[in-house]
Each structure stands twice: as C-alpha cells, then as structure tokens.
Amino acid sequence: MGLGVLVYVPNVIGYIRILLILISWSGFDNPAVFVPCYVISITLDGFDGWVARRLDQTSEFGAWLDVVVDNLGRGMLWSMLYKWGWLVSAVEWCVFVCNHNTHGVQWKSSFSESPRLIQAVMTKGFKTPTGVLAIGGLHVLPVWLYGYQQGVLSRPLYVPEWLQLLVVLVLAGGRLLCLSVEPSTARVRARGRTNCAALHLGLPDKEQKQLGVMNVRFHKYRT
C-alpha cells in the first residue's frame, strides 16, 4: 500500500468527517453547531463507501479509517451524554479490533458460519429489517438522545413527548440488538483464529477438534 492511498477521495472524506467531529465536540453545548456538523459526518459515512466503489479506490486503510471515525464520533457523543457512555464506546472498540484484526476489509461479508442472529443483522451489508434496526440503534440513538437532552426535539421540531420516548424505545431495542451481536461476533472471530492456527500447525483432525472444544470452553468460562 503506497502513500497515494492517503489522498484517495473516500479517505479525504474521512478526514473531513474527523474535522466535523472535532467541531461537534467543541460545540457540544450549542445544538446549532453540534447537530448539523455531526449529522453531516454521519451522512458522509454512507457516501464514502459508494465513492470508493465508484472510483475503484477501496483499500484496507480506507476500511480501517471508516470504522475508526465512526467509533470516534459515537464514542465522543456517548461519553459526553452520560458518565457511563464510555462503556458503549469500549465495546465498539473491542469489536472493531477483533473484526479487523481477523478479516480486515472483508469483515462485513464473512459471517456465513456465524449464528443466525448475527447473519440476520449482517446479511447484505445490514440491508435487512433487523440490520436497519441495529444500524438505527447504533448511529441514530445517540443523536436522538442528544436532541432529547438539549430540548431540540421539543422546541424547534415540536416532536410530541410521547413520540420522543417511543423513538427512544425503538432505537434502544436496535442498540440492544447490536449489543447482543457484538460479543458473539468477537467470540466467532476468536474461534475462527484458533481453527486457522490449528490448520497452519498441521494438526490432525482429532487434535483440531480438541483445540476447538478447549477454545469454546475457554470463552464460556470468560463470559
């Protein structure tokens, strides 16, 4: 990977998103600054992938940068919304490390042997009902909670109180769906790495199965 990848158009979009996140952070208490900057950053997240495919500028660095910027933005928002918000960010960073360390840019399309719940969420790049709900909980919930906290939903938008709470409940369900998938994803990745290690070591089938059983027991013990 040469230095030219740093100036790929989708990666430049990633740098712009980082700048928007920094502006959002500095203007957190001012909804007129925070909301447009953060929402534009989220919107660009869906645009950079299309640009990368359109211009044939996909890269491992771009895939890494995309998720890093996502985690930075959501981590900043969750941490500033609630004192315990860093826990949400910590889970997302752990999942990011497991996914990209094992499968790199193919992490979204490598779940054919995963449990059904993970497949239901991840299939077709989240373009399923459960996938859309999970993404809504992942990206939209913290922004909606910000609007609820800051009164943006009530005053400029005049969203009824009952509707605000209903949307919070729906999006929270999506985030819980994500939360249930994320640890399972990490375990699947770890097991996959153990199986790959067994193959590389040239172990017989019996020893590979024993190693797999030990790995499953280890993860059950940890969880």
C-alpha atoms as a PDB file:
ATOM      1  CA  MET A   1       0.000   0.000   0.000  1.00  0.00           C
ATOM      2  CA  GLY A   2       1.633   3.210  -1.188  1.00  0.00           C
ATOM      3  CA  LEU A   3       1.271   6.718   0.164  1.00  0.00           C
ATOM      4  CA  GLY A   4      -1.109   7.529  -2.685  1.00  0.00           C
ATOM      5  CA  VAL A   5      -3.886   5.784  -0.763  1.00  0.00           C
ATOM      6  CA  LEU A   6      -3.810   8.624   1.765  1.00  0.00           C
ATOM      7  CA  VAL A   7      -5.261  11.022  -0.808  1.00  0.00           C
ATOM      8  CA  TYR A   8      -7.960   8.704  -2.150  1.00  0.00           C
ATOM      9  CA  VAL A   9     -11.219  10.632  -2.347  1.00  0.00           C
ATOM     10  CA  PRO A  10     -13.083   8.408   0.175  1.00  0.00           C
ATOM     11  CA  ASN A  11     -10.202   8.786   2.623  1.00  0.00           C
ATOM     12  CA  VAL A  12     -10.254  12.565   2.198  1.00  0.00           C
ATOM     13  CA  ILE A  13     -13.943  12.350   3.084  1.00  0.00           C
ATOM     14  CA  GLY A  14     -12.843  10.512   6.227  1.00  0.00           C
ATOM     15  CA  TYR A  15     -10.514  13.383   7.159  1.00  0.00           C
ATOM     16  CA  ILE A  16     -13.375  15.842   6.653  1.00  0.00           C
ATOM     17  CA  ARG A  17     -15.509  13.721   8.956  1.00  0.00           C
ATOM     18  CA  ILE A  18     -12.807  13.880  11.639  1.00  0.00           C
ATOM     19  CA  LEU A  19     -12.801  17.683  11.350  1.00  0.00           C
ATOM     20  CA  LEU A  20     -16.598  17.744  11.662  1.00  0.00           C
ATOM     21  CA  ILE A  21     -16.414  15.532  14.761  1.00  0.00           C
ATOM     22  CA  LEU A  22     -13.888  17.892  16.367  1.00  0.00           C
ATOM     23  CA  ILE A  23     -16.154  20.865  15.625  1.00  0.00           C
ATOM     24  CA  SER A  24     -19.103  18.937  17.060  1.00  0.00           C
ATOM     25  CA  TRP A  25     -17.125  18.178  20.198  1.00  0.00           C
ATOM     26  CA  SER A  26     -16.134  21.818  20.689  1.00  0.00           C
ATOM     27  CA  GLY A  27     -19.720  22.949  20.115  1.00  0.00           C
ATOM     28  CA  PHE A  28     -21.434  20.207  22.082  1.00  0.00           C
ATOM     29  CA  ASP A  29     -23.482  22.635  24.199  1.00  0.00           C
ATOM     30  CA  ASN A  30     -24.625  24.551  21.125  1.00  0.00           C
ATOM     31  CA  PRO A  31     -27.144  22.472  19.135  1.00  0.00           C
ATOM     32  CA  ALA A  32     -26.915  24.901  16.209  1.00  0.00           C
ATOM     33  CA  VAL A  33     -23.271  23.847  15.815  1.00  0.00           C
ATOM     34  CA  PHE A  34     -23.367  20.271  17.010  1.00  0.00           C
ATOM     35  CA  VAL A  35     -26.389  18.886  15.150  1.00  0.00           C
ATOM     36  CA  PRO A  36     -25.509  19.929  11.578  1.00  0.00           C
ATOM     37  CA  CYS A  37     -21.817  19.008  11.918  1.00  0.00           C
ATOM     38  CA  TYR A  38     -22.498  15.617  13.468  1.00  0.00           C
ATOM     39  CA  VAL A  39     -25.351  14.756  11.110  1.00  0.00           C
ATOM     40  CA  ILE A  40     -23.245  15.697   8.070  1.00  0.00           C
ATOM     41  CA  SER A  41     -20.479  13.438   9.405  1.00  0.00           C
ATOM     42  CA  ILE A  42     -22.923  10.526   9.682  1.00  0.00           C
ATOM     43  CA  THR A  43     -24.282  11.229   6.197  1.00  0.00           C
ATOM     44  CA  LEU A  44     -20.779  11.214   4.718  1.00  0.00           C
ATOM     45  CA  ASP A  45     -20.259   7.814   6.333  1.00  0.00           C
ATOM     46  CA  GLY A  46     -22.770   6.363   3.903  1.00  0.00           C
ATOM     47  CA  PHE A  47     -21.341   8.336   0.993  1.00  0.00           C
ATOM     48  CA  ASP A  48     -17.648   7.454   1.233  1.00  0.00           C
ATOM     49  CA  GLY A  49     -18.214   3.745   0.607  1.00  0.00           C
ATOM     50  CA  TRP A  50     -20.150   4.489  -2.565  1.00  0.00           C
ATOM     51  CA  VAL A  51     -17.395   6.842  -3.739  1.00  0.00           C
ATOM     52  CA  ALA A  52     -14.729   4.212  -3.027  1.00  0.00           C
ATOM     53  CA  ARG A  53     -16.533   1.637  -5.162  1.00  0.00           C
ATOM     54  CA  ARG A  54     -17.396   4.139  -7.879  1.00  0.00           C
ATOM     55  CA  LEU A  55     -13.811   5.348  -8.248  1.00  0.00           C
ATOM     56  CA  ASP A  56     -12.290   1.926  -7.571  1.00  0.00           C
ATOM     57  CA  GLN A  57     -10.454   3.367  -4.566  1.00  0.00           C
ATOM     58  CA  THR A  58     -11.179   0.718  -1.956  1.00  0.00           C
ATOM     59  CA  SER A  59      -8.305  -0.028   0.407  1.00  0.00           C
ATOM     60  CA  GLU A  60      -7.512  -1.618   3.747  1.00  0.00           C
ATOM     61  CA  PHE A  61      -6.588   1.798   5.114  1.00  0.00           C
ATOM     62  CA  GLY A  62      -9.921   3.226   3.967  1.00  0.00           C
ATOM     63  CA  ALA A  63     -11.883   0.402   5.609  1.00  0.00           C
ATOM     64  CA  TRP A  64      -9.911   0.911   8.827  1.00  0.00           C
ATOM     65  CA  LEU A  65     -10.306   4.698   8.733  1.00  0.00           C
ATOM     66  CA  ASP A  66     -14.059   4.470   8.143  1.00  0.00           C
ATOM     67  CA  VAL A  67     -14.721   2.454  11.295  1.00  0.00           C
ATOM     68  CA  VAL A  68     -12.219   4.421  13.378  1.00  0.00           C
ATOM     69  CA  VAL A  69     -14.002   7.681  12.517  1.00  0.00           C
ATOM     70  CA  ASP A  70     -17.369   6.064  13.310  1.00  0.00           C
ATOM     71  CA  ASN A  71     -16.123   4.936  16.715  1.00  0.00           C
ATOM     72  CA  LEU A  72     -14.521   8.295  17.466  1.00  0.00           C
ATOM     73  CA  GLY A  73     -17.750  10.154  16.731  1.00  0.00           C
ATOM     74  CA  ARG A  74     -20.056   7.844  18.655  1.00  0.00           C
ATOM     75  CA  GLY A  75     -17.571   7.451  21.500  1.00  0.00           C
ATOM     76  CA  MET A  76     -17.337  11.222  21.871  1.00  0.00           C
ATOM     77  CA  LEU A  77     -21.119  11.597  21.863  1.00  0.00           C
ATOM     78  CA  TRP A  78     -21.871   8.759  24.293  1.00  0.00           C
ATOM     79  CA  SER A  79     -19.139   9.901  26.685  1.00  0.00           C
ATOM     80  CA  MET A  80     -20.489  13.449  26.752  1.00  0.00           C
ATOM     81  CA  LEU A  81     -24.112  12.395  27.089  1.00  0.00           C
ATOM     82  CA  TYR A  82     -23.640  10.118  30.107  1.00  0.00           C
ATOM     83  CA  LYS A  83     -20.931   9.319  32.626  1.00  0.00           C
ATOM     84  CA  TRP A  84     -21.221   5.628  31.743  1.00  0.00           C
ATOM     85  CA  GLY A  85     -21.155   6.350  27.998  1.00  0.00           C
ATOM     86  CA  TRP A  86     -17.526   5.254  27.712  1.00  0.00           C
ATOM     87  CA  LEU A  87     -18.673   1.658  28.271  1.00  0.00           C
ATOM     88  CA  VAL A  88     -20.598   1.698  24.990  1.00  0.00           C
ATOM     89  CA  SER A  89     -17.540   3.030  23.207  1.00  0.00           C
ATOM     90  CA  ALA A  90     -15.310   0.398  24.833  1.00  0.00           C
ATOM     91  CA  VAL A  91     -17.467  -2.433  23.474  1.00  0.00           C
ATOM     92  CA  GLU A  92     -17.405  -0.936  19.977  1.00  0.00           C
ATOM     93  CA  TRP A  93     -13.605  -0.603  20.008  1.00  0.00           C
ATOM     94  CA  CYS A  94     -13.181  -4.213  21.171  1.00  0.00           C
ATOM     95  CA  VAL A  95     -15.402  -5.463  18.351  1.00  0.00           C
ATOM     96  CA  PHE A  96     -13.523  -3.294  15.844  1.00  0.00           C
ATOM     97  CA  VAL A  97     -10.176  -4.776  16.893  1.00  0.00           C
ATOM     98  CA  CYS A  98     -11.469  -8.364  16.699  1.00  0.00           C
ATOM     99  CA  ASN A  99     -13.148  -7.918  13.312  1.00  0.00           C
ATOM    100  CA  HIS A 100     -10.404  -6.036  11.501  1.00  0.00           C
ATOM    101  CA  ASN A 101      -7.549  -7.991  13.007  1.00  0.00           C
ATOM    102  CA  THR A 102      -9.082 -11.228  11.710  1.00  0.00           C
ATOM    103  CA  HIS A 103     -10.808 -10.337   8.446  1.00  0.00           C
ATOM    104  CA  GLY A 104      -9.734  -6.803   7.529  1.00  0.00           C
ATOM    105  CA  VAL A 105     -11.773  -5.161   4.761  1.00  0.00           C
ATOM    106  CA  GLN A 106     -13.956  -8.285   4.367  1.00  0.00           C
ATOM    107  CA  TRP A 107     -15.352  -8.126   7.899  1.00  0.00           C
ATOM    108  CA  LYS A 108     -18.892  -7.307   6.707  1.00  0.00           C
ATOM    109  CA  SER A 109     -19.112 -10.300   4.369  1.00  0.00           C
ATOM    110  CA  SER A 110     -17.521 -13.062   6.440  1.00  0.00           C
ATOM    111  CA  PHE A 111     -20.403 -14.218   8.618  1.00  0.00           C
ATOM    112  CA  SER A 112     -21.669 -17.223   6.634  1.00  0.00           C
ATOM    113  CA  GLU A 113     -20.849 -19.584   9.516  1.00  0.00           C
ATOM    114  CA  SER A 114     -21.983 -17.265  12.295  1.00  0.00           C
ATOM    115  CA  PRO A 115     -25.105 -17.776  14.457  1.00  0.00           C
ATOM    116  CA  ARG A 116     -28.417 -16.901  12.828  1.00  0.00           C
ATOM    117  CA  LEU A 117     -28.840 -13.694  14.809  1.00  0.00           C
ATOM    118  CA  ILE A 118     -25.532 -12.330  13.517  1.00  0.00           C
ATOM    119  CA  GLN A 119     -26.387 -13.371   9.963  1.00  0.00           C
ATOM    120  CA  ALA A 120     -29.801 -11.697  10.212  1.00  0.00           C
ATOM    121  CA  VAL A 121     -28.154  -8.412  11.171  1.00  0.00           C
ATOM    122  CA  MET A 122     -25.068  -8.521   8.932  1.00  0.00           C
ATOM    123  CA  THR A 123     -26.518 -10.071   5.747  1.00  0.00           C
ATOM    124  CA  LYS A 124     -26.483  -7.830   2.658  1.00  0.00           C
ATOM    125  CA  GLY A 125     -24.465  -5.168   4.448  1.00  0.00           C
ATOM    126  CA  PHE A 126     -27.142  -4.516   7.097  1.00  0.00           C
ATOM    127  CA  LYS A 127     -29.808  -4.131   4.370  1.00  0.00           C
ATOM    128  CA  THR A 128     -32.360  -6.262   6.207  1.00  0.00           C
ATOM    129  CA  PRO A 129     -35.100  -5.247   8.697  1.00  0.00           C
ATOM    130  CA  THR A 130     -33.001  -6.367  11.654  1.00  0.00           C
ATOM    131  CA  GLY A 131     -29.909  -4.781  10.118  1.00  0.00           C
ATOM    132  CA  VAL A 132     -31.662  -1.429   9.633  1.00  0.00           C
ATOM    133  CA  LEU A 133     -32.932  -1.550  13.225  1.00  0.00           C
ATOM    134  CA  ALA A 134     -29.428  -2.322  14.504  1.00  0.00           C
ATOM    135  CA  ILE A 135     -27.860   0.494  12.476  1.00  0.00           C
ATOM    136  CA  GLY A 136     -30.568   2.872  13.683  1.00  0.00           C
ATOM    137  CA  GLY A 137     -29.742   1.981  17.267  1.00  0.00           C
ATOM    138  CA  LEU A 138     -26.033   2.326  16.560  1.00  0.00           C
ATOM    139  CA  HIS A 139     -25.995   5.685  14.762  1.00  0.00           C
ATOM    140  CA  VAL A 140     -29.322   7.429  15.370  1.00  0.00           C
ATOM    141  CA  LEU A 141     -29.958   6.633  19.054  1.00  0.00           C
ATOM    142  CA  PRO A 142     -27.151   8.808  20.498  1.00  0.00           C
ATOM    143  CA  VAL A 143     -28.136  11.718  18.235  1.00  0.00           C
ATOM    144  CA  TRP A 144     -31.802  11.354  19.220  1.00  0.00           C
ATOM    145  CA  LEU A 145     -30.835  11.264  22.907  1.00  0.00           C
ATOM    146  CA  TYR A 146     -28.802  14.426  22.384  1.00  0.00           C
ATOM    147  CA  GLY A 147     -31.854  16.130  20.891  1.00  0.00           C
ATOM    148  CA  TYR A 148     -33.946  14.894  23.802  1.00  0.00           C
ATOM    149  CA  GLN A 149     -31.447  16.143  26.391  1.00  0.00           C
ATOM    150  CA  GLN A 150     -30.931  19.519  24.747  1.00  0.00           C
ATOM    151  CA  GLY A 151     -34.632  20.105  24.058  1.00  0.00           C
ATOM    152  CA  VAL A 152     -34.066  20.270  20.310  1.00  0.00           C
ATOM    153  CA  LEU A 153     -36.853  17.773  19.657  1.00  0.00           C
ATOM    154  CA  SER A 154     -39.368  19.754  21.704  1.00  0.00           C
ATOM    155  CA  ARG A 155     -38.735  23.357  20.745  1.00  0.00           C
ATOM    156  CA  PRO A 156     -37.600  23.743  17.123  1.00  0.00           C
ATOM    157  CA  LEU A 157     -39.024  20.425  15.875  1.00  0.00           C
ATOM    158  CA  TYR A 158     -42.126  20.225  18.108  1.00  0.00           C
ATOM    159  CA  VAL A 159     -41.980  16.437  18.378  1.00  0.00           C
ATOM    160  CA  PRO A 160     -44.582  15.268  20.950  1.00  0.00           C
ATOM    161  CA  GLU A 161     -43.148  13.930  24.182  1.00  0.00           C
ATOM    162  CA  TRP A 162     -44.765  10.517  23.733  1.00  0.00           C
ATOM    163  CA  LEU A 163     -43.261  10.195  20.236  1.00  0.00           C
ATOM    164  CA  GLN A 164     -39.811  11.165  21.502  1.00  0.00           C
ATOM    165  CA  LEU A 165     -39.951   8.410  24.115  1.00  0.00           C
ATOM    166  CA  LEU A 166     -41.363   5.893  21.641  1.00  0.00           C
ATOM    167  CA  VAL A 167     -38.496   6.503  19.227  1.00  0.00           C
ATOM    168  CA  VAL A 168     -36.025   6.184  22.109  1.00  0.00           C
ATOM    169  CA  LEU A 169     -37.507   2.786  22.991  1.00  0.00           C
ATOM    170  CA  VAL A 170     -37.392   1.544  19.377  1.00  0.00           C
ATOM    171  CA  LEU A 171     -33.822   2.745  18.830  1.00  0.00           C
ATOM    172  CA  ALA A 172     -32.765   1.366  22.217  1.00  0.00           C
ATOM    173  CA  GLY A 173     -34.093  -2.000  21.062  1.00  0.00           C
ATOM    174  CA  GLY A 174     -31.894  -1.684  17.985  1.00  0.00           C
ATOM    175  CA  ARG A 175     -28.876  -0.827  20.130  1.00  0.00           C
ATOM    176  CA  LEU A 176     -29.539  -3.813  22.388  1.00  0.00           C
ATOM    177  CA  LEU A 177     -29.720  -5.949  19.257  1.00  0.00           C
ATOM    178  CA  CYS A 178     -26.290  -4.612  18.292  1.00  0.00           C
ATOM    179  CA  LEU A 179     -25.042  -5.239  21.814  1.00  0.00           C
ATOM    180  CA  SER A 180     -26.184  -8.861  21.663  1.00  0.00           C
ATOM    181  CA  VAL A 181     -24.449  -9.348  18.321  1.00  0.00           C
ATOM    182  CA  GLU A 182     -21.162  -7.612  19.166  1.00  0.00           C
ATOM    183  CA  PRO A 183     -19.853 -10.024  21.851  1.00  0.00           C
ATOM    184  CA  SER A 184     -20.937 -13.006  19.735  1.00  0.00           C
ATOM    185  CA  THR A 185     -19.055 -11.528  16.793  1.00  0.00           C
ATOM    186  CA  ALA A 186     -15.908 -11.227  18.881  1.00  0.00           C
ATOM    187  CA  ARG A 187     -16.206 -14.848  20.052  1.00  0.00           C
ATOM    188  CA  VAL A 188     -16.749 -16.087  16.492  1.00  0.00           C
ATOM    189  CA  ARG A 189     -13.630 -14.220  15.404  1.00  0.00           C
ATOM    190  CA  ALA A 190     -11.549 -15.694  18.229  1.00  0.00           C
ATOM    191  CA  ARG A 191     -12.737 -19.208  17.468  1.00  0.00           C
ATOM    192  CA  GLY A 192     -12.008 -18.691  13.807  1.00  0.00           C
ATOM    193  CA  ARG A 193      -8.468 -17.652  14.606  1.00  0.00           C
ATOM    194  CA  THR A 194      -7.990 -20.754  16.746  1.00  0.00           C
ATOM    195  CA  ASN A 195      -9.175 -23.006  13.917  1.00  0.00           C
ATOM    196  CA  CYS A 196      -6.873 -21.241  11.457  1.00  0.00           C
ATOM    197  CA  ALA A 197      -3.959 -21.664  13.848  1.00  0.00           C
ATOM    198  CA  ALA A 198      -4.673 -25.391  14.057  1.00  0.00           C
ATOM    199  CA  LEU A 199      -4.663 -25.708  10.292  1.00  0.00           C
ATOM    200  CA  HIS A 200      -1.409 -23.769   9.955  1.00  0.00           C
ATOM    201  CA  LEU A 201       0.202 -26.002  12.560  1.00  0.00           C
ATOM    202  CA  GLY A 202      -0.821 -29.034  10.537  1.00  0.00           C
ATOM    203  CA  LEU A 203      -2.604 -30.708  13.431  1.00  0.00           C
ATOM    204  CA  PRO A 204      -4.647 -33.862  12.683  1.00  0.00           C
ATOM    205  CA  ASP A 205      -8.453 -33.613  12.671  1.00  0.00           C
ATOM    206  CA  LYS A 206      -8.748 -35.107  16.154  1.00  0.00           C
ATOM    207  CA  GLU A 207      -6.349 -32.573  17.677  1.00  0.00           C
ATOM    208  CA  GLN A 208      -8.064 -29.730  15.781  1.00  0.00           C
ATOM    209  CA  LYS A 209     -11.418 -30.733  17.277  1.00  0.00           C
ATOM    210  CA  GLN A 210      -9.901 -30.932  20.759  1.00  0.00           C
ATOM    211  CA  LEU A 211      -8.379 -27.491  20.335  1.00  0.00           C
ATOM    212  CA  GLY A 212     -11.745 -26.149  19.179  1.00  0.00           C
ATOM    213  CA  VAL A 213     -13.500 -27.639  22.235  1.00  0.00           C
ATOM    214  CA  MET A 214     -10.891 -26.119  24.545  1.00  0.00           C
ATOM    215  CA  ASN A 215     -11.381 -22.764  22.869  1.00  0.00           C
ATOM    216  CA  VAL A 216     -15.180 -22.910  23.297  1.00  0.00           C
ATOM    217  CA  ARG A 217     -14.822 -23.861  26.967  1.00  0.00           C
ATOM    218  CA  PHE A 218     -12.325 -21.041  27.474  1.00  0.00           C
ATOM    219  CA  HIS A 219     -14.718 -18.463  26.062  1.00  0.00           C
ATOM    220  CA  LYS A 220     -17.642 -19.829  28.073  1.00  0.00           C
ATOM    221  CA  TYR A 221     -15.508 -19.527  31.193  1.00  0.00           C
ATOM    222  CA  ARG A 222     -14.576 -15.936  30.352  1.00  0.00           C
ATOM    223  CA  THR A 223     -18.176 -14.936  29.664  1.00  0.00           C
END
